[in-house]
Amino acid sequence: MNIIKASKDNFDAIYEIEKTSTYEKMSEEELKYELNENPVAFFFLLVNNNDEIIAYIDFWITFDSSTIFKIVTKENERNKGYAKKLLTYVIEFLKTKDVLYLTLEVRKSNIYAIKLYESLEFEKIVEKPKYYKDGEDAIYMVRGIN
């Protein structure tokens, strides 16, 4: 497995994975914006030895902070530690960018993701009521980058 920077050539494969995303799917236009136009977005891919995209992470850097926008793993590859691999890579990457902290929102019901984030030293800061379109609450989490 390797982690590489995404390019617009990867759009079709990324969009296929995005369509299997559990919640809050991005439209084709939203994904194109994130991948090609968003000036603060960084997009990395986890690829297998056959150069097949297994998972991706989209995060933003604004000044001295970073926010995880989205992590998606291919449906048949979930629960194999790939999200943790991507997050660990991003944390190391952020150490080279003068970023002081990394934030994210996670669905309150997403116990597995919360456990993953806590294993990577994210702390629960506050609950955001009715944060998601379907009315579910989010938990705002933060991790220092040192």
C-alpha atoms as a PDB file:
ATOM      1  CA  MET A   1       0.000   0.000   0.000  1.00  0.00           C
ATOM      2  CA  ASN A   2       1.179   3.494  -0.878  1.00  0.00           C
ATOM      3  CA  ILE A   3      -0.144   6.965  -0.213  1.00  0.00           C
ATOM      4  CA  ILE A   4       0.000   9.434  -3.086  1.00  0.00           C
ATOM      5  CA  LYS A   5      -1.276  12.920  -3.834  1.00  0.00           C
ATOM      6  CA  ALA A   6      -4.464  12.837  -5.899  1.00  0.00           C
ATOM      7  CA  SER A   7      -4.702  14.466  -9.299  1.00  0.00           C
ATOM      8  CA  LYS A   8      -7.603  15.274 -11.592  1.00  0.00           C
ATOM      9  CA  ASP A   9      -6.751  12.079 -13.491  1.00  0.00           C
ATOM     10  CA  ASN A  10      -7.986  10.154 -10.436  1.00  0.00           C
ATOM     11  CA  PHE A  11     -11.420  11.784 -10.474  1.00  0.00           C
ATOM     12  CA  ASP A  12     -13.446   8.881 -11.904  1.00  0.00           C
ATOM     13  CA  ALA A  13     -12.054   6.332  -9.443  1.00  0.00           C
ATOM     14  CA  ILE A  14     -12.489   8.722  -6.506  1.00  0.00           C
ATOM     15  CA  TYR A  15     -16.049   9.500  -7.522  1.00  0.00           C
ATOM     16  CA  GLU A  16     -16.896   5.786  -7.676  1.00  0.00           C
ATOM     17  CA  ILE A  17     -15.700   5.423  -4.076  1.00  0.00           C
ATOM     18  CA  GLU A  18     -17.525   8.617  -3.052  1.00  0.00           C
ATOM     19  CA  LYS A  19     -20.802   7.201  -4.330  1.00  0.00           C
ATOM     20  CA  THR A  20     -20.444   4.390  -1.751  1.00  0.00           C
ATOM     21  CA  SER A  21     -19.867   6.857   1.076  1.00  0.00           C
ATOM     22  CA  THR A  22     -22.173   6.144   3.968  1.00  0.00           C
ATOM     23  CA  TYR A  23     -23.336   9.700   4.638  1.00  0.00           C
ATOM     24  CA  GLU A  24     -23.214  13.155   3.111  1.00  0.00           C
ATOM     25  CA  LYS A  25     -22.201  12.120  -0.400  1.00  0.00           C
ATOM     26  CA  MET A  26     -20.577  14.842  -2.482  1.00  0.00           C
ATOM     27  CA  SER A  27     -22.041  15.565  -5.894  1.00  0.00           C
ATOM     28  CA  GLU A  28     -19.845  15.281  -8.950  1.00  0.00           C
ATOM     29  CA  GLU A  29     -19.478  19.087  -9.000  1.00  0.00           C
ATOM     30  CA  GLU A  30     -18.595  19.282  -5.296  1.00  0.00           C
ATOM     31  CA  LEU A  31     -15.968  16.584  -5.666  1.00  0.00           C
ATOM     32  CA  LYS A  32     -14.448  18.272  -8.733  1.00  0.00           C
ATOM     33  CA  TYR A  33     -14.223  21.509  -6.758  1.00  0.00           C
ATOM     34  CA  GLU A  34     -12.513  19.793  -3.824  1.00  0.00           C
ATOM     35  CA  LEU A  35     -10.055  17.968  -6.044  1.00  0.00           C
ATOM     36  CA  ASN A  36      -9.259  20.690  -8.572  1.00  0.00           C
ATOM     37  CA  GLU A  37     -10.221  24.146  -7.313  1.00  0.00           C
ATOM     38  CA  ASN A  38     -10.413  24.450  -3.542  1.00  0.00           C
ATOM     39  CA  PRO A  39      -7.274  26.469  -2.709  1.00  0.00           C
ATOM     40  CA  VAL A  40      -6.975  25.086   0.840  1.00  0.00           C
ATOM     41  CA  ALA A  41      -7.774  21.420   0.074  1.00  0.00           C
ATOM     42  CA  PHE A  42      -5.264  18.583   0.099  1.00  0.00           C
ATOM     43  CA  PHE A  43      -6.290  15.205  -1.270  1.00  0.00           C
ATOM     44  CA  PHE A  44      -4.361  11.971  -0.702  1.00  0.00           C
ATOM     45  CA  LEU A  45      -5.083   8.461  -1.929  1.00  0.00           C
ATOM     46  CA  LEU A  46      -4.264   5.069  -0.486  1.00  0.00           C
ATOM     47  CA  VAL A  47      -3.483   2.757  -3.404  1.00  0.00           C
ATOM     48  CA  ASN A  48      -2.713  -0.948  -3.450  1.00  0.00           C
ATOM     49  CA  ASN A  49       0.136  -2.641  -5.311  1.00  0.00           C
ATOM     50  CA  ASN A  50      -1.980  -2.662  -8.482  1.00  0.00           C
ATOM     51  CA  ASP A  51      -2.420   1.140  -8.269  1.00  0.00           C
ATOM     52  CA  GLU A  52      -6.087   0.675  -7.401  1.00  0.00           C
ATOM     53  CA  ILE A  53      -7.456   3.418  -5.144  1.00  0.00           C
ATOM     54  CA  ILE A  54      -8.635   1.888  -1.877  1.00  0.00           C
ATOM     55  CA  ALA A  55      -9.363   5.020   0.165  1.00  0.00           C
ATOM     56  CA  TYR A  56      -8.956   8.767   0.161  1.00  0.00           C
ATOM     57  CA  ILE A  57      -8.708  11.661   2.561  1.00  0.00           C
ATOM     58  CA  ASP A  58      -9.625  15.262   1.842  1.00  0.00           C
ATOM     59  CA  PHE A  59      -8.438  17.859   4.363  1.00  0.00           C
ATOM     60  CA  TRP A  60      -7.996  21.590   4.463  1.00  0.00           C
ATOM     61  CA  ILE A  61      -5.148  23.710   5.778  1.00  0.00           C
ATOM     62  CA  THR A  62      -5.959  27.277   6.760  1.00  0.00           C
ATOM     63  CA  PHE A  63      -3.131  29.156   8.408  1.00  0.00           C
ATOM     64  CA  ASP A  64      -2.040  27.143  11.469  1.00  0.00           C
ATOM     65  CA  SER A  65      -4.956  24.707  11.562  1.00  0.00           C
ATOM     66  CA  SER A  66      -6.231  21.835   9.503  1.00  0.00           C
ATOM     67  CA  THR A  67      -9.637  20.184   9.224  1.00  0.00           C
ATOM     68  CA  ILE A  68     -10.479  16.715   8.015  1.00  0.00           C
ATOM     69  CA  PHE A  69     -13.225  17.228   5.467  1.00  0.00           C
ATOM     70  CA  LYS A  70     -13.749  13.622   4.445  1.00  0.00           C
ATOM     71  CA  ILE A  71     -12.288  10.132   4.670  1.00  0.00           C
ATOM     72  CA  VAL A  72     -13.802   7.374   2.551  1.00  0.00           C
ATOM     73  CA  THR A  73     -12.711   3.771   2.117  1.00  0.00           C
ATOM     74  CA  LYS A  74     -13.937   1.554  -0.685  1.00  0.00           C
ATOM     75  CA  GLU A  75     -16.957  -0.382   0.516  1.00  0.00           C
ATOM     76  CA  ASN A  76     -15.374  -3.849   0.308  1.00  0.00           C
ATOM     77  CA  GLU A  77     -12.149  -2.636   1.981  1.00  0.00           C
ATOM     78  CA  ARG A  78     -13.583  -1.122   5.155  1.00  0.00           C
ATOM     79  CA  ASN A  79     -12.482  -2.073   8.691  1.00  0.00           C
ATOM     80  CA  LYS A  80      -8.950  -2.985   7.603  1.00  0.00           C
ATOM     81  CA  GLY A  81      -7.130  -0.003   9.135  1.00  0.00           C
ATOM     82  CA  TYR A  82      -6.881   2.063   5.959  1.00  0.00           C
ATOM     83  CA  ALA A  83      -8.468   5.198   7.435  1.00  0.00           C
ATOM     84  CA  LYS A  84      -5.974   5.039  10.308  1.00  0.00           C
ATOM     85  CA  LYS A  85      -3.120   4.697   7.817  1.00  0.00           C
ATOM     86  CA  LEU A  86      -4.295   7.807   5.948  1.00  0.00           C
ATOM     87  CA  LEU A  87      -4.830   9.819   9.130  1.00  0.00           C
ATOM     88  CA  THR A  88      -1.396   8.881  10.454  1.00  0.00           C
ATOM     89  CA  TYR A  89       0.132   9.981   7.155  1.00  0.00           C
ATOM     90  CA  VAL A  90      -1.728  13.298   7.260  1.00  0.00           C
ATOM     91  CA  ILE A  91      -0.624  13.976  10.847  1.00  0.00           C
ATOM     92  CA  GLU A  92       3.017  13.484   9.809  1.00  0.00           C
ATOM     93  CA  PHE A  93       2.469  15.642   6.708  1.00  0.00           C
ATOM     94  CA  LEU A  94       0.973  18.432   8.841  1.00  0.00           C
ATOM     95  CA  LYS A  95       4.064  18.465  11.046  1.00  0.00           C
ATOM     96  CA  THR A  96       5.975  19.785   8.015  1.00  0.00           C
ATOM     97  CA  LYS A  97       3.453  22.583   7.378  1.00  0.00           C
ATOM     98  CA  ASP A  98       3.550  24.577  10.648  1.00  0.00           C
ATOM     99  CA  VAL A  99       0.057  23.364  11.529  1.00  0.00           C
ATOM    100  CA  LEU A 100      -0.717  23.477  15.250  1.00  0.00           C
ATOM    101  CA  TYR A 101      -3.903  21.428  15.409  1.00  0.00           C
ATOM    102  CA  LEU A 102      -6.178  19.153  13.415  1.00  0.00           C
ATOM    103  CA  THR A 103      -9.964  19.192  13.801  1.00  0.00           C
ATOM    104  CA  LEU A 104     -12.905  17.166  12.589  1.00  0.00           C
ATOM    105  CA  GLU A 105     -16.592  16.563  13.090  1.00  0.00           C
ATOM    106  CA  VAL A 106     -17.922  13.053  13.437  1.00  0.00           C
ATOM    107  CA  ARG A 107     -21.452  11.717  13.739  1.00  0.00           C
ATOM    108  CA  LYS A 108     -22.327  11.026  17.347  1.00  0.00           C
ATOM    109  CA  SER A 109     -23.546   7.552  16.325  1.00  0.00           C
ATOM    110  CA  ASN A 110     -20.285   6.657  14.527  1.00  0.00           C
ATOM    111  CA  ILE A 111     -18.726   4.830  17.468  1.00  0.00           C
ATOM    112  CA  TYR A 112     -16.063   3.085  15.362  1.00  0.00           C
ATOM    113  CA  ALA A 113     -14.806   6.358  13.897  1.00  0.00           C
ATOM    114  CA  ILE A 114     -14.799   8.021  17.328  1.00  0.00           C
ATOM    115  CA  LYS A 115     -12.693   5.152  18.710  1.00  0.00           C
ATOM    116  CA  LEU A 116     -10.322   5.486  15.769  1.00  0.00           C
ATOM    117  CA  TYR A 117      -9.905   9.221  16.346  1.00  0.00           C
ATOM    118  CA  GLU A 118      -9.390   8.746  20.077  1.00  0.00           C
ATOM    119  CA  SER A 119      -6.688   6.146  19.330  1.00  0.00           C
ATOM    120  CA  LEU A 120      -4.903   8.902  17.397  1.00  0.00           C
ATOM    121  CA  GLU A 121      -5.125  11.330  20.348  1.00  0.00           C
ATOM    122  CA  PHE A 122      -8.130  13.353  19.207  1.00  0.00           C
ATOM    123  CA  GLU A 123     -10.140  14.770  22.090  1.00  0.00           C
ATOM    124  CA  LYS A 124     -13.861  15.432  22.189  1.00  0.00           C
ATOM    125  CA  ILE A 125     -14.394  19.171  22.609  1.00  0.00           C
ATOM    126  CA  VAL A 126     -18.077  19.872  22.111  1.00  0.00           C
ATOM    127  CA  GLU A 127     -21.234  18.389  20.690  1.00  0.00           C
ATOM    128  CA  LYS A 128     -22.845  20.240  17.785  1.00  0.00           C
ATOM    129  CA  PRO A 129     -26.616  19.692  17.862  1.00  0.00           C
ATOM    130  CA  LYS A 130     -28.333  18.838  14.571  1.00  0.00           C
ATOM    131  CA  TYR A 131     -25.116  19.427  12.641  1.00  0.00           C
ATOM    132  CA  TYR A 132     -25.855  17.051   9.774  1.00  0.00           C
ATOM    133  CA  LYS A 133     -28.571  17.422   7.130  1.00  0.00           C
ATOM    134  CA  ASP A 134     -30.525  14.532   8.630  1.00  0.00           C
ATOM    135  CA  GLY A 135     -30.512  16.215  12.055  1.00  0.00           C
ATOM    136  CA  GLU A 136     -27.903  14.026  13.726  1.00  0.00           C
ATOM    137  CA  ASP A 137     -25.544  15.647  16.213  1.00  0.00           C
ATOM    138  CA  ALA A 138     -21.806  15.883  15.574  1.00  0.00           C
ATOM    139  CA  ILE A 139     -18.926  15.631  17.969  1.00  0.00           C
ATOM    140  CA  TYR A 140     -16.185  18.180  17.339  1.00  0.00           C
ATOM    141  CA  MET A 141     -12.748  16.701  17.998  1.00  0.00           C
ATOM    142  CA  VAL A 142      -9.279  18.236  18.075  1.00  0.00           C
ATOM    143  CA  ARG A 143      -5.728  16.908  18.100  1.00  0.00           C
ATOM    144  CA  GLY A 144      -2.559  18.907  18.563  1.00  0.00           C
ATOM    145  CA  ILE A 145       0.180  18.577  15.984  1.00  0.00           C
ATOM    146  CA  ASN A 146       3.617  18.511  17.596  1.00  0.00           C
END
